[in-house]
């Protein structure tokens, strides 16, 4: 029984390491004196993920035409962005109506195009543009890239995030310099 908590016991080592880790977490919490309003909470990130996953199922069930549509649903802080291509104006409206009543959805930005689905080549180009934009934002000293979500659809770059107006303008200016971007749509929530 004495060996159970002796200093040579593996249990002793694990307990000491766990206590040290717990104390380290307390130090970082007490050391923070100001709140960064630009960062989402873990709960908000979770809510956004739930909106995206539930939203896809709900929107596809809203209309039979949405089953074959190229549809993207992105949520950031309860702001939902719908991107892609649908067959008709009625289908586009059905997508908005289906998702707007979902729990935690604050606003819906419907950017769906009435057109046939984009080609695989166009989608590959969109993925490449998103990568280039994210890389540029990572090197931007004026804005935390983690507070900006980038979505690209058919050459149009959608920027979502919680930023000050100055950060927003700096972000857009950096993205304008990326070769291949046809248009930039800002869907920012301003924190000042």
N, C-alpha and C. Protein backbone atom coordinates (compact mmCIF):
# COMPACT_ATOMS: atom_id res chain seq x y z
N UNK A 1 0.82 -1.20 0.00
CA UNK A 1 0.00 0.00 0.00
C UNK A 1 0.86 1.26 0.00
N UNK A 2 2.02 1.21 0.64
CA UNK A 2 2.90 2.37 0.68
C UNK A 2 3.41 2.71 -0.71
N UNK A 3 3.60 1.71 -1.53
CA UNK A 3 4.14 1.93 -2.88
C UNK A 3 3.16 2.71 -3.75
N UNK A 4 1.88 2.65 -3.43
CA UNK A 4 0.85 3.28 -4.26
C UNK A 4 1.14 4.75 -4.52
N UNK A 5 1.63 5.50 -3.54
CA UNK A 5 1.92 6.91 -3.74
C UNK A 5 3.38 7.27 -3.41
N UNK A 6 4.26 6.34 -3.53
CA UNK A 6 5.67 6.68 -3.30
C UNK A 6 6.19 7.46 -4.50
N UNK A 7 7.27 8.21 -4.30
CA UNK A 7 7.80 9.08 -5.36
C UNK A 7 8.34 8.29 -6.55
N UNK A 8 8.54 7.01 -6.42
CA UNK A 8 9.00 6.20 -7.55
C UNK A 8 7.84 5.53 -8.28
N UNK A 9 6.64 5.67 -7.77
CA UNK A 9 5.47 5.05 -8.38
C UNK A 9 5.05 5.80 -9.65
N UNK A 10 4.66 5.06 -10.69
CA UNK A 10 4.15 5.72 -11.90
C UNK A 10 2.89 6.54 -11.61
N UNK A 11 2.07 6.08 -10.66
CA UNK A 11 0.86 6.82 -10.30
C UNK A 11 1.23 8.20 -9.74
N UNK A 12 2.25 8.24 -8.91
CA UNK A 12 2.71 9.50 -8.32
C UNK A 12 3.12 10.47 -9.43
N UNK A 13 3.84 9.97 -10.39
CA UNK A 13 4.30 10.81 -11.51
C UNK A 13 3.11 11.36 -12.29
N UNK A 14 2.13 10.50 -12.57
CA UNK A 14 0.95 10.93 -13.32
C UNK A 14 0.17 11.98 -12.53
N UNK A 15 0.00 11.77 -11.23
CA UNK A 15 -0.75 12.73 -10.41
C UNK A 15 -0.03 14.07 -10.36
N UNK A 16 1.28 14.06 -10.19
CA UNK A 16 2.05 15.31 -10.15
C UNK A 16 1.94 16.04 -11.48
N UNK A 17 2.07 15.32 -12.58
CA UNK A 17 1.96 15.95 -13.90
C UNK A 17 0.57 16.53 -14.13
N UNK A 18 -0.46 15.81 -13.69
CA UNK A 18 -1.83 16.30 -13.84
C UNK A 18 -2.05 17.57 -13.02
N UNK A 19 -1.52 17.60 -11.80
CA UNK A 19 -1.65 18.80 -10.97
C UNK A 19 -0.90 19.98 -11.57
N UNK A 20 0.28 19.73 -12.10
CA UNK A 20 1.04 20.80 -12.74
C UNK A 20 0.31 21.35 -13.97
N UNK A 21 -0.28 20.46 -14.74
CA UNK A 21 -1.04 20.89 -15.91
C UNK A 21 -2.25 21.72 -15.49
N UNK A 22 -2.92 21.30 -14.42
CA UNK A 22 -4.08 22.04 -13.93
C UNK A 22 -3.67 23.42 -13.43
N UNK A 23 -2.56 23.50 -12.73
CA UNK A 23 -2.08 24.79 -12.24
C UNK A 23 -1.68 25.70 -13.38
N UNK A 24 -1.10 25.14 -14.42
CA UNK A 24 -0.71 25.94 -15.58
C UNK A 24 -1.94 26.56 -16.22
N UNK A 25 -3.02 25.81 -16.31
CA UNK A 25 -4.27 26.34 -16.86
C UNK A 25 -4.83 27.47 -16.02
N UNK A 26 -4.71 27.36 -14.70
CA UNK A 26 -5.18 28.44 -13.82
C UNK A 26 -4.36 29.70 -14.01
N UNK A 27 -3.08 29.55 -14.21
CA UNK A 27 -2.22 30.72 -14.37
C UNK A 27 -2.60 31.50 -15.62
N UNK A 28 -2.93 30.80 -16.69
CA UNK A 28 -3.26 31.52 -17.91
C UNK A 28 -4.63 32.19 -17.82
N UNK A 29 -5.55 31.60 -17.06
CA UNK A 29 -6.86 32.21 -16.90
C UNK A 29 -6.78 33.45 -16.04
N UNK A 30 -6.02 33.39 -14.94
CA UNK A 30 -5.93 34.55 -14.06
C UNK A 30 -5.07 35.65 -14.67
N UNK A 31 -4.19 35.31 -15.56
CA UNK A 31 -3.31 36.30 -16.18
C UNK A 31 -4.01 37.14 -17.23
N UNK A 32 -5.10 36.67 -17.76
CA UNK A 32 -5.80 37.40 -18.81
C UNK A 32 -6.69 38.45 -18.17
N UNK A 33 -6.44 39.72 -18.51
CA UNK A 33 -7.20 40.79 -17.87
C UNK A 33 -8.18 41.45 -18.82
N UNK A 34 -8.01 41.30 -20.11
CA UNK A 34 -8.94 41.92 -21.05
C UNK A 34 -9.48 40.86 -21.99
N UNK A 35 -10.72 41.05 -22.39
CA UNK A 35 -11.37 40.08 -23.28
C UNK A 35 -11.20 40.53 -24.72
N UNK A 36 -10.91 39.57 -25.60
CA UNK A 36 -10.80 39.87 -27.02
C UNK A 36 -12.16 39.58 -27.65
N UNK A 37 -12.89 40.62 -27.98
CA UNK A 37 -14.24 40.45 -28.50
C UNK A 37 -14.25 39.91 -29.93
N UNK A 38 -13.10 39.83 -30.56
CA UNK A 38 -13.04 39.32 -31.91
C UNK A 38 -13.00 37.81 -32.00
N UNK A 39 -12.76 37.14 -30.88
CA UNK A 39 -12.68 35.68 -30.89
C UNK A 39 -14.02 35.07 -30.48
N UNK A 40 -14.38 33.99 -31.18
CA UNK A 40 -15.61 33.27 -30.84
C UNK A 40 -15.32 32.33 -29.67
N UNK A 41 -16.33 32.10 -28.87
CA UNK A 41 -16.19 31.14 -27.78
C UNK A 41 -16.26 29.73 -28.34
N UNK A 42 -15.84 28.77 -27.54
CA UNK A 42 -15.92 27.37 -27.95
C UNK A 42 -17.37 26.98 -28.23
N UNK A 43 -18.29 27.50 -27.43
CA UNK A 43 -19.71 27.22 -27.64
C UNK A 43 -20.23 27.77 -28.96
N UNK A 44 -19.75 28.95 -29.34
CA UNK A 44 -20.17 29.55 -30.61
C UNK A 44 -19.62 28.75 -31.78
N UNK A 45 -18.38 28.30 -31.67
CA UNK A 45 -17.79 27.46 -32.72
C UNK A 45 -18.60 26.18 -32.87
N UNK A 46 -18.97 25.58 -31.75
CA UNK A 46 -19.79 24.37 -31.76
C UNK A 46 -21.14 24.64 -32.42
N UNK A 47 -21.78 25.76 -32.04
CA UNK A 47 -23.07 26.12 -32.64
C UNK A 47 -22.95 26.28 -34.15
N UNK A 48 -21.87 26.92 -34.61
CA UNK A 48 -21.66 27.10 -36.05
C UNK A 48 -21.52 25.76 -36.76
N UNK A 49 -20.81 24.83 -36.14
CA UNK A 49 -20.66 23.50 -36.75
C UNK A 49 -21.99 22.77 -36.82
N UNK A 50 -22.80 22.93 -35.78
CA UNK A 50 -24.12 22.29 -35.77
C UNK A 50 -25.04 22.92 -36.82
N UNK A 51 -24.96 24.23 -36.98
CA UNK A 51 -25.77 24.91 -38.00
C UNK A 51 -25.40 24.37 -39.38
N UNK A 52 -24.10 24.22 -39.64
CA UNK A 52 -23.66 23.74 -40.95
C UNK A 52 -24.11 22.31 -41.20
N UNK A 53 -23.95 21.42 -40.22
CA UNK A 53 -24.31 20.02 -40.45
C UNK A 53 -25.82 19.82 -40.52
N UNK A 54 -26.56 20.43 -39.60
CA UNK A 54 -28.02 20.32 -39.63
C UNK A 54 -28.60 21.05 -40.84
N UNK A 55 -28.01 22.18 -41.14
CA UNK A 55 -28.49 23.00 -42.25
C UNK A 55 -28.48 22.27 -43.57
N UNK A 56 -27.43 21.50 -43.82
CA UNK A 56 -27.35 20.75 -45.08
C UNK A 56 -28.51 19.77 -45.21
N UNK A 57 -28.82 19.07 -44.12
CA UNK A 57 -29.91 18.10 -44.16
C UNK A 57 -31.26 18.81 -44.31
N UNK A 58 -31.45 19.88 -43.59
CA UNK A 58 -32.73 20.60 -43.63
C UNK A 58 -32.96 21.25 -44.99
N UNK A 59 -31.92 21.88 -45.53
CA UNK A 59 -32.06 22.55 -46.82
C UNK A 59 -32.32 21.54 -47.93
N UNK A 60 -31.61 20.44 -47.92
CA UNK A 60 -31.82 19.43 -48.97
C UNK A 60 -33.22 18.82 -48.89
N UNK A 61 -33.78 18.74 -47.69
CA UNK A 61 -35.13 18.20 -47.53
C UNK A 61 -36.21 19.21 -47.92
N UNK A 62 -35.84 20.49 -48.02
CA UNK A 62 -36.83 21.53 -48.32
C UNK A 62 -37.35 21.48 -49.74
N UNK A 63 -36.54 21.01 -50.68
CA UNK A 63 -36.96 20.98 -52.08
C UNK A 63 -36.25 19.83 -52.79
N UNK A 64 -36.97 19.14 -53.66
CA UNK A 64 -36.34 18.03 -54.39
C UNK A 64 -35.25 18.54 -55.33
N UNK A 65 -35.36 19.79 -55.79
CA UNK A 65 -34.34 20.36 -56.68
C UNK A 65 -33.02 20.60 -55.94
N UNK A 66 -33.07 20.71 -54.62
CA UNK A 66 -31.86 20.96 -53.84
C UNK A 66 -31.01 19.71 -53.65
N UNK A 67 -31.58 18.52 -53.96
CA UNK A 67 -30.81 17.29 -53.83
C UNK A 67 -29.62 17.27 -54.79
N UNK A 68 -29.81 17.78 -55.99
CA UNK A 68 -28.76 17.75 -57.01
C UNK A 68 -27.99 19.06 -57.11
N UNK A 69 -28.37 20.04 -56.33
CA UNK A 69 -27.72 21.36 -56.41
C UNK A 69 -26.34 21.32 -55.76
N UNK A 70 -25.45 22.14 -56.29
CA UNK A 70 -24.14 22.34 -55.65
C UNK A 70 -24.36 23.43 -54.61
N UNK A 71 -24.34 23.04 -53.34
CA UNK A 71 -24.76 23.93 -52.26
C UNK A 71 -23.74 23.92 -51.14
N UNK A 72 -23.31 25.11 -50.73
CA UNK A 72 -22.41 25.25 -49.60
C UNK A 72 -23.08 26.04 -48.50
N UNK A 73 -22.96 25.54 -47.26
CA UNK A 73 -23.51 26.24 -46.10
C UNK A 73 -22.37 26.50 -45.14
N UNK A 74 -22.14 27.77 -44.86
CA UNK A 74 -21.06 28.17 -43.96
C UNK A 74 -21.65 29.06 -42.87
N UNK A 75 -21.28 28.79 -41.62
CA UNK A 75 -21.77 29.60 -40.51
C UNK A 75 -20.60 30.17 -39.73
N UNK A 76 -20.70 31.44 -39.37
CA UNK A 76 -19.69 32.09 -38.54
C UNK A 76 -20.42 33.02 -37.58
N UNK A 77 -20.39 32.67 -36.32
CA UNK A 77 -21.03 33.46 -35.27
C UNK A 77 -22.54 33.64 -35.53
N UNK A 78 -23.16 32.60 -36.05
CA UNK A 78 -24.60 32.63 -36.31
C UNK A 78 -25.00 33.29 -37.61
N UNK A 79 -24.03 33.81 -38.36
CA UNK A 79 -24.31 34.37 -39.69
C UNK A 79 -24.10 33.24 -40.69
N UNK A 80 -25.12 32.93 -41.48
CA UNK A 80 -25.05 31.81 -42.41
C UNK A 80 -24.88 32.33 -43.83
N UNK A 81 -23.95 31.72 -44.55
CA UNK A 81 -23.70 32.05 -45.95
C UNK A 81 -24.09 30.84 -46.79
N UNK A 82 -24.97 31.05 -47.76
CA UNK A 82 -25.34 30.01 -48.71
C UNK A 82 -24.66 30.32 -50.04
N UNK A 83 -23.88 29.37 -50.54
CA UNK A 83 -23.19 29.54 -51.82
C UNK A 83 -23.44 28.33 -52.70
N UNK A 84 -23.26 28.52 -53.99
CA UNK A 84 -23.42 27.43 -54.94
C UNK A 84 -24.36 27.81 -56.06
N UNK A 85 -24.90 26.79 -56.69
CA UNK A 85 -25.79 27.00 -57.83
C UNK A 85 -27.06 26.18 -57.65
N UNK A 86 -28.19 26.80 -57.98
CA UNK A 86 -29.49 26.13 -57.93
C UNK A 86 -30.22 26.36 -59.24
N UNK A 87 -31.30 25.60 -59.46
CA UNK A 87 -32.00 25.63 -60.74
C UNK A 87 -32.95 26.81 -60.91
N UNK A 88 -33.53 27.33 -59.81
CA UNK A 88 -34.55 28.37 -59.97
C UNK A 88 -34.57 29.32 -58.78
N UNK A 89 -35.27 30.42 -58.98
CA UNK A 89 -35.45 31.41 -57.90
C UNK A 89 -36.23 30.80 -56.74
N UNK A 90 -37.22 29.95 -57.05
CA UNK A 90 -38.01 29.29 -56.01
C UNK A 90 -37.13 28.39 -55.14
N UNK A 91 -36.21 27.69 -55.78
CA UNK A 91 -35.29 26.81 -55.06
C UNK A 91 -34.37 27.64 -54.16
N UNK A 92 -33.91 28.75 -54.68
CA UNK A 92 -33.05 29.65 -53.90
C UNK A 92 -33.79 30.15 -52.66
N UNK A 93 -35.04 30.57 -52.84
CA UNK A 93 -35.84 31.05 -51.71
C UNK A 93 -36.15 29.93 -50.72
N UNK A 94 -36.38 28.72 -51.23
CA UNK A 94 -36.66 27.58 -50.35
C UNK A 94 -35.47 27.30 -49.44
N UNK A 95 -34.26 27.46 -49.95
CA UNK A 95 -33.06 27.25 -49.14
C UNK A 95 -32.99 28.25 -48.00
N UNK A 96 -33.29 29.50 -48.29
CA UNK A 96 -33.27 30.54 -47.24
C UNK A 96 -34.33 30.26 -46.19
N UNK A 97 -35.55 29.96 -46.63
CA UNK A 97 -36.64 29.70 -45.69
C UNK A 97 -36.35 28.49 -44.80
N UNK A 98 -35.70 27.49 -45.37
CA UNK A 98 -35.42 26.27 -44.61
C UNK A 98 -34.41 26.51 -43.50
N UNK A 99 -33.43 27.35 -43.75
CA UNK A 99 -32.34 27.50 -42.78
C UNK A 99 -32.53 28.65 -41.80
N UNK A 100 -33.35 29.62 -42.14
CA UNK A 100 -33.44 30.82 -41.29
C UNK A 100 -34.04 30.55 -39.92
N UNK A 101 -34.87 29.52 -39.79
CA UNK A 101 -35.49 29.22 -38.50
C UNK A 101 -34.69 28.22 -37.67
N UNK A 102 -33.54 27.82 -38.17
CA UNK A 102 -32.69 26.90 -37.42
C UNK A 102 -32.18 27.60 -36.16
N UNK A 103 -32.10 26.87 -35.09
CA UNK A 103 -31.66 27.43 -33.81
C UNK A 103 -30.27 28.05 -33.94
N UNK A 104 -30.09 29.21 -33.37
CA UNK A 104 -28.83 29.97 -33.32
C UNK A 104 -28.49 30.70 -34.61
N UNK A 105 -29.34 30.60 -35.63
CA UNK A 105 -29.10 31.35 -36.87
C UNK A 105 -29.59 32.78 -36.66
N UNK A 106 -28.69 33.74 -36.84
CA UNK A 106 -29.05 35.15 -36.66
C UNK A 106 -29.41 35.81 -37.98
N UNK A 107 -28.61 35.57 -39.02
CA UNK A 107 -28.89 36.13 -40.35
C UNK A 107 -28.48 35.12 -41.41
N UNK A 108 -29.12 35.23 -42.57
CA UNK A 108 -28.79 34.36 -43.71
C UNK A 108 -28.41 35.25 -44.88
N UNK A 109 -27.24 35.00 -45.44
CA UNK A 109 -26.77 35.69 -46.65
C UNK A 109 -26.86 34.68 -47.78
N UNK A 110 -27.88 34.82 -48.62
CA UNK A 110 -28.09 33.88 -49.71
C UNK A 110 -27.38 34.37 -50.96
N UNK A 111 -26.26 33.75 -51.28
CA UNK A 111 -25.47 34.11 -52.46
C UNK A 111 -25.56 33.00 -53.52
N UNK A 112 -26.63 32.21 -53.47
CA UNK A 112 -26.82 31.15 -54.45
C UNK A 112 -27.05 31.75 -55.84
N UNK A 113 -26.42 31.15 -56.84
CA UNK A 113 -26.61 31.57 -58.23
C UNK A 113 -27.64 30.66 -58.89
N UNK A 114 -28.43 31.23 -59.78
CA UNK A 114 -29.35 30.41 -60.56
C UNK A 114 -28.61 30.02 -61.82
N UNK A 115 -28.04 28.83 -61.77
CA UNK A 115 -27.19 28.32 -62.86
C UNK A 115 -26.95 26.84 -62.63
N UNK A 116 -26.35 26.21 -63.63
CA UNK A 116 -25.95 24.82 -63.47
C UNK A 116 -24.74 24.71 -62.55
N UNK A 117 -24.50 23.53 -61.98
CA UNK A 117 -23.37 23.36 -61.07
C UNK A 117 -22.03 23.68 -61.75
N UNK A 118 -21.10 24.21 -60.98
CA UNK A 118 -19.77 24.51 -61.52
C UNK A 118 -19.04 23.21 -61.82
N UNK A 119 -18.04 23.31 -62.69
CA UNK A 119 -17.25 22.14 -63.07
C UNK A 119 -16.26 21.78 -61.96
N UNK A 120 -15.71 20.60 -62.06
CA UNK A 120 -14.70 20.17 -61.11
C UNK A 120 -13.47 21.07 -61.20
N UNK A 121 -13.15 21.53 -62.40
CA UNK A 121 -12.01 22.43 -62.59
C UNK A 121 -12.25 23.75 -61.87
N UNK A 122 -13.47 24.29 -61.95
CA UNK A 122 -13.79 25.54 -61.26
C UNK A 122 -13.71 25.35 -59.74
N UNK A 123 -14.15 24.21 -59.25
CA UNK A 123 -14.10 23.95 -57.80
C UNK A 123 -12.66 23.78 -57.33
N UNK A 124 -11.84 23.17 -58.17
CA UNK A 124 -10.41 23.05 -57.84
C UNK A 124 -9.77 24.43 -57.79
N UNK A 125 -10.12 25.28 -58.75
CA UNK A 125 -9.61 26.65 -58.75
C UNK A 125 -10.07 27.40 -57.50
N UNK A 126 -11.32 27.19 -57.09
CA UNK A 126 -11.83 27.84 -55.88
C UNK A 126 -11.05 27.40 -54.64
N UNK A 127 -10.76 26.11 -54.56
CA UNK A 127 -9.98 25.60 -53.43
C UNK A 127 -8.58 26.22 -53.42
N UNK A 128 -7.98 26.35 -54.60
CA UNK A 128 -6.65 26.95 -54.71
C UNK A 128 -6.70 28.43 -54.32
N UNK A 129 -7.73 29.15 -54.76
CA UNK A 129 -7.89 30.55 -54.38
C UNK A 129 -8.05 30.70 -52.86
N UNK A 130 -8.84 29.83 -52.26
CA UNK A 130 -9.02 29.88 -50.81
C UNK A 130 -7.69 29.68 -50.10
N UNK A 131 -6.90 28.73 -50.58
CA UNK A 131 -5.58 28.48 -49.99
C UNK A 131 -4.69 29.71 -50.12
N UNK A 132 -4.69 30.33 -51.29
CA UNK A 132 -3.86 31.52 -51.49
C UNK A 132 -4.31 32.67 -50.59
N UNK A 133 -5.62 32.86 -50.47
CA UNK A 133 -6.14 33.94 -49.63
C UNK A 133 -5.78 33.70 -48.17
N UNK A 134 -5.96 32.47 -47.69
CA UNK A 134 -5.63 32.16 -46.30
C UNK A 134 -4.14 32.36 -46.03
N UNK A 135 -3.31 32.01 -47.00
CA UNK A 135 -1.87 32.21 -46.84
C UNK A 135 -1.53 33.70 -46.73
N UNK A 136 -2.15 34.51 -47.56
CA UNK A 136 -1.93 35.96 -47.49
C UNK A 136 -2.40 36.51 -46.15
N UNK A 137 -3.53 36.03 -45.65
CA UNK A 137 -4.05 36.51 -44.37
C UNK A 137 -3.16 36.08 -43.21
N UNK A 138 -2.53 34.92 -43.32
CA UNK A 138 -1.62 34.48 -42.27
C UNK A 138 -0.41 35.39 -42.15
N UNK A 139 0.00 36.00 -43.25
CA UNK A 139 1.16 36.89 -43.23
C UNK A 139 0.78 38.33 -42.92
N UNK A 140 -0.51 38.62 -42.82
CA UNK A 140 -0.99 39.97 -42.53
C UNK A 140 -0.83 40.27 -41.04
N UNK A 141 -0.01 41.23 -40.70
CA UNK A 141 0.24 41.58 -39.31
C UNK A 141 -0.91 42.37 -38.68
N UNK A 142 -1.79 42.93 -39.49
CA UNK A 142 -2.84 43.81 -38.99
C UNK A 142 -4.09 43.06 -38.55
N UNK A 143 -4.21 41.79 -38.92
CA UNK A 143 -5.41 41.02 -38.61
C UNK A 143 -5.03 39.61 -38.20
N UNK A 144 -5.74 39.07 -37.21
CA UNK A 144 -5.57 37.68 -36.81
C UNK A 144 -6.34 36.81 -37.81
N UNK A 145 -5.62 36.01 -38.57
CA UNK A 145 -6.24 35.19 -39.62
C UNK A 145 -7.26 34.21 -39.05
N UNK A 146 -7.13 33.84 -37.79
CA UNK A 146 -8.07 32.92 -37.17
C UNK A 146 -9.45 33.52 -36.96
N UNK A 147 -9.57 34.83 -37.11
CA UNK A 147 -10.86 35.50 -36.93
C UNK A 147 -11.57 35.75 -38.26
N UNK A 148 -11.01 35.22 -39.34
CA UNK A 148 -11.60 35.41 -40.67
C UNK A 148 -11.82 34.04 -41.29
N UNK A 149 -13.02 33.82 -41.79
CA UNK A 149 -13.33 32.59 -42.51
C UNK A 149 -13.42 32.93 -43.99
N UNK A 150 -12.78 32.11 -44.82
CA UNK A 150 -12.72 32.37 -46.26
C UNK A 150 -13.49 31.28 -46.99
N UNK A 151 -14.41 31.69 -47.84
CA UNK A 151 -15.17 30.77 -48.69
C UNK A 151 -15.05 31.29 -50.12
N UNK A 152 -14.72 30.41 -51.05
CA UNK A 152 -14.62 30.83 -52.45
C UNK A 152 -15.59 30.00 -53.29
N UNK A 153 -16.35 30.68 -54.11
CA UNK A 153 -17.30 30.02 -55.00
C UNK A 153 -17.27 30.71 -56.35
N UNK A 154 -16.83 29.95 -57.36
CA UNK A 154 -16.81 30.43 -58.74
C UNK A 154 -16.00 31.73 -58.89
N UNK A 155 -14.87 31.79 -58.20
CA UNK A 155 -13.97 32.94 -58.28
C UNK A 155 -14.30 34.09 -57.36
N UNK A 156 -15.45 34.01 -56.68
CA UNK A 156 -15.85 35.06 -55.74
C UNK A 156 -15.41 34.64 -54.34
N UNK A 157 -14.69 35.53 -53.67
CA UNK A 157 -14.20 35.25 -52.32
C UNK A 157 -15.11 35.93 -51.31
N UNK A 158 -15.67 35.12 -50.40
CA UNK A 158 -16.52 35.61 -49.33
C UNK A 158 -15.69 35.61 -48.05
N UNK A 159 -15.67 36.75 -47.37
CA UNK A 159 -14.91 36.89 -46.13
C UNK A 159 -15.89 37.08 -44.98
N UNK A 160 -15.81 36.20 -43.99
CA UNK A 160 -16.67 36.28 -42.81
C UNK A 160 -15.78 36.45 -41.59
N UNK A 161 -16.26 37.17 -40.59
CA UNK A 161 -15.47 37.28 -39.38
C UNK A 161 -15.94 38.36 -38.44
N UNK A 162 -15.27 38.41 -37.29
CA UNK A 162 -15.50 39.42 -36.27
C UNK A 162 -14.29 40.33 -36.27
N UNK A 163 -14.42 41.51 -36.86
CA UNK A 163 -13.28 42.41 -37.01
C UNK A 163 -13.68 43.85 -36.73
N UNK A 164 -12.68 44.66 -36.45
CA UNK A 164 -12.92 46.10 -36.40
C UNK A 164 -12.98 46.59 -37.85
N UNK A 165 -13.45 47.79 -38.04
CA UNK A 165 -13.53 48.33 -39.41
C UNK A 165 -12.14 48.47 -40.03
N UNK A 166 -11.16 48.86 -39.23
CA UNK A 166 -9.79 49.00 -39.74
C UNK A 166 -9.23 47.64 -40.15
N UNK A 167 -9.48 46.60 -39.34
CA UNK A 167 -9.03 45.25 -39.68
C UNK A 167 -9.72 44.76 -40.94
N UNK A 168 -11.00 45.07 -41.07
CA UNK A 168 -11.77 44.68 -42.25
C UNK A 168 -11.15 45.26 -43.51
N UNK A 169 -10.87 46.55 -43.48
CA UNK A 169 -10.29 47.21 -44.66
C UNK A 169 -8.91 46.66 -44.98
N UNK A 170 -8.10 46.40 -43.95
CA UNK A 170 -6.76 45.83 -44.17
C UNK A 170 -6.87 44.43 -44.78
N UNK A 171 -7.84 43.66 -44.30
CA UNK A 171 -8.04 42.30 -44.82
C UNK A 171 -8.45 42.33 -46.28
N UNK A 172 -9.42 43.17 -46.60
CA UNK A 172 -9.89 43.27 -47.99
C UNK A 172 -8.77 43.73 -48.90
N UNK A 173 -7.97 44.68 -48.44
CA UNK A 173 -6.86 45.19 -49.26
C UNK A 173 -5.85 44.08 -49.56
N UNK A 174 -5.58 43.23 -48.59
CA UNK A 174 -4.65 42.11 -48.81
C UNK A 174 -5.24 41.11 -49.80
N UNK A 175 -6.53 40.82 -49.66
CA UNK A 175 -7.18 39.83 -50.53
C UNK A 175 -7.26 40.35 -51.97
N UNK A 176 -7.43 41.64 -52.14
CA UNK A 176 -7.48 42.23 -53.49
C UNK A 176 -6.20 41.93 -54.28
N UNK A 177 -5.10 41.75 -53.60
CA UNK A 177 -3.81 41.54 -54.25
C UNK A 177 -3.61 40.09 -54.72
N UNK A 178 -4.52 39.19 -54.33
CA UNK A 178 -4.38 37.78 -54.71
C UNK A 178 -4.84 37.60 -56.15
N UNK A 179 -3.96 37.05 -56.97
CA UNK A 179 -4.26 36.84 -58.38
C UNK A 179 -5.36 35.79 -58.52
N UNK A 180 -6.36 36.09 -59.34
CA UNK A 180 -7.45 35.15 -59.61
C UNK A 180 -8.75 35.49 -58.92
N UNK A 181 -8.70 36.38 -57.92
CA UNK A 181 -9.92 36.77 -57.22
C UNK A 181 -10.72 37.69 -58.13
N UNK A 182 -11.95 37.29 -58.45
CA UNK A 182 -12.79 38.09 -59.34
C UNK A 182 -13.60 39.13 -58.59
N UNK A 183 -14.00 38.80 -57.37
CA UNK A 183 -14.85 39.69 -56.59
C UNK A 183 -14.68 39.33 -55.12
N UNK A 184 -14.84 40.31 -54.24
CA UNK A 184 -14.77 40.08 -52.80
C UNK A 184 -16.09 40.52 -52.19
N UNK A 185 -16.68 39.64 -51.39
CA UNK A 185 -17.92 39.96 -50.68
C UNK A 185 -17.61 39.91 -49.19
N UNK A 186 -17.83 41.04 -48.50
CA UNK A 186 -17.58 41.13 -47.06
C UNK A 186 -18.85 40.77 -46.30
N UNK A 187 -18.71 39.82 -45.39
CA UNK A 187 -19.81 39.46 -44.50
C UNK A 187 -19.23 39.52 -43.08
N UNK A 188 -18.82 40.71 -42.69
CA UNK A 188 -18.18 40.91 -41.40
C UNK A 188 -19.18 41.40 -40.37
N UNK A 189 -18.90 41.04 -39.14
CA UNK A 189 -19.60 41.61 -38.00
C UNK A 189 -18.57 42.52 -37.34
N UNK A 190 -18.89 43.79 -37.25
CA UNK A 190 -17.92 44.76 -36.74
C UNK A 190 -17.99 44.83 -35.22
N UNK A 191 -16.81 44.85 -34.60
CA UNK A 191 -16.73 44.83 -33.14
C UNK A 191 -16.46 46.21 -32.55
N UNK A 192 -16.43 47.24 -33.38
CA UNK A 192 -16.27 48.60 -32.84
C UNK A 192 -17.26 49.55 -33.47
